[in-house]
Amino acid sequence: MRIRLHGTPADIAAALPVLAEVLDIHTVSRTYTDRTTSTHARVYLDAEPRPTREDR
């Protein structure tokens, strides 16, 4: 799946390790800053759910 994280760079940095606990993250894009004068940015992830214990 492709996931877009949108927020401040600090918010994105904080969310990545939390998401890595439940997703196998294959790639993380570079940071794209918003086109406006906003302090927000975007990062795209290619990931898939980690197998549950029942799936193993």
C-alpha atoms as a PDB file:
ATOM      1  CA  MET A   1       0.000   0.000   0.000  1.00  0.00           C
ATOM      2  CA  ARG A   2       1.067   3.587  -0.509  1.00  0.00           C
ATOM      3  CA  ILE A   3       0.660   5.908   2.468  1.00  0.00           C
ATOM      4  CA  ARG A   4       1.071   9.672   2.560  1.00  0.00           C
ATOM      5  CA  LEU A   5       2.111  11.308   5.818  1.00  0.00           C
ATOM      6  CA  HIS A   6       1.344  15.013   5.929  1.00  0.00           C
ATOM      7  CA  GLY A   7       2.344  17.262   8.798  1.00  0.00           C
ATOM      8  CA  THR A   8       5.267  19.053  10.312  1.00  0.00           C
ATOM      9  CA  PRO A   9       8.650  17.394   9.832  1.00  0.00           C
ATOM     10  CA  ALA A  10       8.704  16.642  13.571  1.00  0.00           C
ATOM     11  CA  ASP A  11       5.279  14.976  13.399  1.00  0.00           C
ATOM     12  CA  ILE A  12       6.363  12.863  10.439  1.00  0.00           C
ATOM     13  CA  ALA A  13       9.603  11.847  12.167  1.00  0.00           C
ATOM     14  CA  ALA A  14       7.631  10.813  15.264  1.00  0.00           C
ATOM     15  CA  ALA A  15       5.070   8.809  13.258  1.00  0.00           C
ATOM     16  CA  LEU A  16       7.546   6.733  11.243  1.00  0.00           C
ATOM     17  CA  PRO A  17       8.846   4.515  14.087  1.00  0.00           C
ATOM     18  CA  VAL A  18       5.313   3.982  15.401  1.00  0.00           C
ATOM     19  CA  LEU A  19       4.099   2.876  11.973  1.00  0.00           C
ATOM     20  CA  ALA A  20       7.137   0.602  11.621  1.00  0.00           C
ATOM     21  CA  GLU A  21       5.884  -1.372  14.630  1.00  0.00           C
ATOM     22  CA  VAL A  22       2.802  -2.535  12.718  1.00  0.00           C
ATOM     23  CA  LEU A  23       3.886  -2.222   9.067  1.00  0.00           C
ATOM     24  CA  ASP A  24       6.747  -3.582   7.009  1.00  0.00           C
ATOM     25  CA  ILE A  25       7.946  -0.359   5.431  1.00  0.00           C
ATOM     26  CA  HIS A  26       9.698  -0.988   2.128  1.00  0.00           C
ATOM     27  CA  THR A  27      10.505   2.539   1.018  1.00  0.00           C
ATOM     28  CA  VAL A  28      10.270   6.048   2.390  1.00  0.00           C
ATOM     29  CA  SER A  29      10.316   8.919  -0.091  1.00  0.00           C
ATOM     30  CA  ARG A  30      12.229  12.104   0.325  1.00  0.00           C
ATOM     31  CA  THR A  31      10.454  14.923   2.149  1.00  0.00           C
ATOM     32  CA  TYR A  32       8.345  17.136  -0.089  1.00  0.00           C
ATOM     33  CA  THR A  33       7.628  20.564   1.357  1.00  0.00           C
ATOM     34  CA  ASP A  34       4.235  22.097   0.708  1.00  0.00           C
ATOM     35  CA  ARG A  35       4.121  24.604  -2.106  1.00  0.00           C
ATOM     36  CA  THR A  36       2.741  27.337   0.108  1.00  0.00           C
ATOM     37  CA  THR A  37       4.554  29.049   2.946  1.00  0.00           C
ATOM     38  CA  SER A  38       3.203  26.344   5.231  1.00  0.00           C
ATOM     39  CA  THR A  39       5.457  24.547   7.692  1.00  0.00           C
ATOM     40  CA  HIS A  40       4.013  21.204   6.595  1.00  0.00           C
ATOM     41  CA  ALA A  41       5.592  18.542   4.445  1.00  0.00           C
ATOM     42  CA  ARG A  42       4.722  15.181   2.890  1.00  0.00           C
ATOM     43  CA  VAL A  43       6.448  11.802   2.914  1.00  0.00           C
ATOM     44  CA  TYR A  44       5.236   8.748   1.014  1.00  0.00           C
ATOM     45  CA  LEU A  45       5.643   5.183   2.273  1.00  0.00           C
ATOM     46  CA  ASP A  46       5.357   1.875   0.484  1.00  0.00           C
ATOM     47  CA  ALA A  47       4.363  -0.611   3.158  1.00  0.00           C
ATOM     48  CA  GLU A  48       2.331  -3.679   3.965  1.00  0.00           C
ATOM     49  CA  PRO A  49       0.850  -4.998   7.197  1.00  0.00           C
ATOM     50  CA  ARG A  50       3.136  -7.215   9.232  1.00  0.00           C
ATOM     51  CA  PRO A  51       1.926 -10.791   9.500  1.00  0.00           C
ATOM     52  CA  THR A  52       0.033 -11.512  12.685  1.00  0.00           C
ATOM     53  CA  ARG A  53       0.977 -14.476  14.861  1.00  0.00           C
ATOM     54  CA  GLU A  54      -1.954 -16.387  13.387  1.00  0.00           C
ATOM     55  CA  ASP A  55      -0.672 -15.739   9.846  1.00  0.00           C
ATOM     56  CA  ARG A  56       2.826 -17.101  10.540  1.00  0.00           C
END
